[in-house]
């Protein structure tokens, strides 16, 4: 299930990359530790942190069937949460 607009906090969510401009990222997983207008900072279970550009990926929230395209959340977190 792809979500049009995700109005929940993303920080702390475990994610899996399902589509990315950089194919080496597909399947990579971790926990979101920061979010800006253009990017997500994610840390893996091994402690590896990556800054991911929202407009170049889609990810699935672990434990759900929700897939979020980065283009759909391409705004500041506080603007997205307000609606």
C-alpha atoms as a PDB file:
ATOM      1  CA  UNK A   1       0.000   0.000   0.000  1.00  0.00           C
ATOM      2  CA  UNK A   2       1.477   3.339  -1.060  1.00  0.00           C
ATOM      3  CA  UNK A   3       0.512   6.332   1.066  1.00  0.00           C
ATOM      4  CA  UNK A   4      -0.283   9.711  -0.536  1.00  0.00           C
ATOM      5  CA  UNK A   5       0.505  11.883   2.488  1.00  0.00           C
ATOM      6  CA  UNK A   6       2.066  10.558   5.657  1.00  0.00           C
ATOM      7  CA  UNK A   7       1.086  12.767   8.609  1.00  0.00           C
ATOM      8  CA  UNK A   8       2.924  10.951  11.367  1.00  0.00           C
ATOM      9  CA  UNK A   9       6.299  11.547  12.942  1.00  0.00           C
ATOM     10  CA  UNK A  10       8.989   9.569  11.110  1.00  0.00           C
ATOM     11  CA  UNK A  11      11.795   9.925  13.648  1.00  0.00           C
ATOM     12  CA  UNK A  12      12.243   6.634  15.468  1.00  0.00           C
ATOM     13  CA  UNK A  13      10.593   4.531  12.738  1.00  0.00           C
ATOM     14  CA  UNK A  14      12.440   1.491  11.394  1.00  0.00           C
ATOM     15  CA  UNK A  15      12.522   1.543   7.587  1.00  0.00           C
ATOM     16  CA  UNK A  16      13.632  -0.571   4.641  1.00  0.00           C
ATOM     17  CA  UNK A  17      14.603   1.111   1.348  1.00  0.00           C
ATOM     18  CA  UNK A  18      12.497  -0.403  -1.466  1.00  0.00           C
ATOM     19  CA  UNK A  19      13.400   1.947  -4.340  1.00  0.00           C
ATOM     20  CA  UNK A  20      16.322   4.340  -4.760  1.00  0.00           C
ATOM     21  CA  UNK A  21      18.248   6.176  -7.449  1.00  0.00           C
ATOM     22  CA  UNK A  22      21.338   4.456  -6.018  1.00  0.00           C
ATOM     23  CA  UNK A  23      20.499   0.759  -6.423  1.00  0.00           C
ATOM     24  CA  UNK A  24      23.028  -0.190  -3.720  1.00  0.00           C
ATOM     25  CA  UNK A  25      20.647   1.298  -1.142  1.00  0.00           C
ATOM     26  CA  UNK A  26      17.731  -1.004  -2.021  1.00  0.00           C
ATOM     27  CA  UNK A  27      17.212  -3.384   0.889  1.00  0.00           C
ATOM     28  CA  UNK A  28      19.220  -1.226   3.303  1.00  0.00           C
ATOM     29  CA  UNK A  29      17.449  -0.749   6.609  1.00  0.00           C
ATOM     30  CA  UNK A  30      17.734   1.327   9.716  1.00  0.00           C
ATOM     31  CA  UNK A  31      16.037   3.731  12.123  1.00  0.00           C
ATOM     32  CA  UNK A  32      15.294   7.356  11.203  1.00  0.00           C
ATOM     33  CA  UNK A  33      17.106   9.638  13.633  1.00  0.00           C
ATOM     34  CA  UNK A  34      16.572  13.022  11.954  1.00  0.00           C
ATOM     35  CA  UNK A  35      14.476  14.587   9.205  1.00  0.00           C
ATOM     36  CA  UNK A  36      14.821  17.815   7.243  1.00  0.00           C
ATOM     37  CA  UNK A  37      12.895  19.204   4.292  1.00  0.00           C
ATOM     38  CA  UNK A  38      15.100  17.352   1.794  1.00  0.00           C
ATOM     39  CA  UNK A  39      16.588  14.419   3.680  1.00  0.00           C
ATOM     40  CA  UNK A  40      16.344  11.663   6.230  1.00  0.00           C
ATOM     41  CA  UNK A  41      19.225  10.656   8.480  1.00  0.00           C
ATOM     42  CA  UNK A  42      19.074   6.915   9.124  1.00  0.00           C
ATOM     43  CA  UNK A  43      21.282   4.702  11.290  1.00  0.00           C
ATOM     44  CA  UNK A  44      21.598   0.954  10.714  1.00  0.00           C
ATOM     45  CA  UNK A  45      21.731  -1.706  13.422  1.00  0.00           C
ATOM     46  CA  UNK A  46      25.502  -1.856  12.802  1.00  0.00           C
ATOM     47  CA  UNK A  47      25.809   1.855  13.647  1.00  0.00           C
ATOM     48  CA  UNK A  48      26.318   3.063  10.071  1.00  0.00           C
ATOM     49  CA  UNK A  49      24.580   6.424   9.523  1.00  0.00           C
ATOM     50  CA  UNK A  50      23.454   7.645   6.098  1.00  0.00           C
ATOM     51  CA  UNK A  51      21.918  10.909   4.957  1.00  0.00           C
ATOM     52  CA  UNK A  52      19.319   9.985   2.327  1.00  0.00           C
ATOM     53  CA  UNK A  53      17.708  12.438  -0.085  1.00  0.00           C
ATOM     54  CA  UNK A  54      13.922  12.130   0.090  1.00  0.00           C
ATOM     55  CA  UNK A  55      13.344  12.790  -3.607  1.00  0.00           C
ATOM     56  CA  UNK A  56      15.474   9.817  -4.690  1.00  0.00           C
ATOM     57  CA  UNK A  57      13.910   6.971  -2.713  1.00  0.00           C
ATOM     58  CA  UNK A  58      10.878   5.104  -1.459  1.00  0.00           C
ATOM     59  CA  UNK A  59      10.840   3.173   1.788  1.00  0.00           C
ATOM     60  CA  UNK A  60       8.675   0.782   3.746  1.00  0.00           C
ATOM     61  CA  UNK A  61       8.004   1.192   7.441  1.00  0.00           C
ATOM     62  CA  UNK A  62       9.133  -2.057   9.058  1.00  0.00           C
ATOM     63  CA  UNK A  63       6.307  -4.213  10.379  1.00  0.00           C
ATOM     64  CA  UNK A  64       3.726  -2.642   8.046  1.00  0.00           C
ATOM     65  CA  UNK A  65       2.845  -2.708   4.380  1.00  0.00           C
ATOM     66  CA  UNK A  66       3.093   1.089   4.154  1.00  0.00           C
ATOM     67  CA  UNK A  67       5.402   2.300   1.378  1.00  0.00           C
ATOM     68  CA  UNK A  68       6.253   5.997   1.350  1.00  0.00           C
ATOM     69  CA  UNK A  69       7.712   7.776  -1.649  1.00  0.00           C
ATOM     70  CA  UNK A  70      10.159  10.476  -0.641  1.00  0.00           C
ATOM     71  CA  UNK A  71       8.550  12.861  -3.140  1.00  0.00           C
ATOM     72  CA  UNK A  72       5.308  12.652  -1.162  1.00  0.00           C
ATOM     73  CA  UNK A  73       6.952  13.850   2.065  1.00  0.00           C
ATOM     74  CA  UNK A  74       9.241  16.415   0.438  1.00  0.00           C
ATOM     75  CA  UNK A  75       8.599  19.225   2.925  1.00  0.00           C
ATOM     76  CA  UNK A  76       9.681  20.235   6.380  1.00  0.00           C
ATOM     77  CA  UNK A  77       8.421  17.768   9.015  1.00  0.00           C
ATOM     78  CA  UNK A  78       6.410  20.416  10.851  1.00  0.00           C
ATOM     79  CA  UNK A  79       4.621  21.433   7.611  1.00  0.00           C
ATOM     80  CA  UNK A  80       3.868  17.811   6.749  1.00  0.00           C
ATOM     81  CA  UNK A  81       2.462  17.091  10.221  1.00  0.00           C
ATOM     82  CA  UNK A  82       0.151  20.134  10.065  1.00  0.00           C
ATOM     83  CA  UNK A  83      -1.333  18.938   6.798  1.00  0.00           C
END
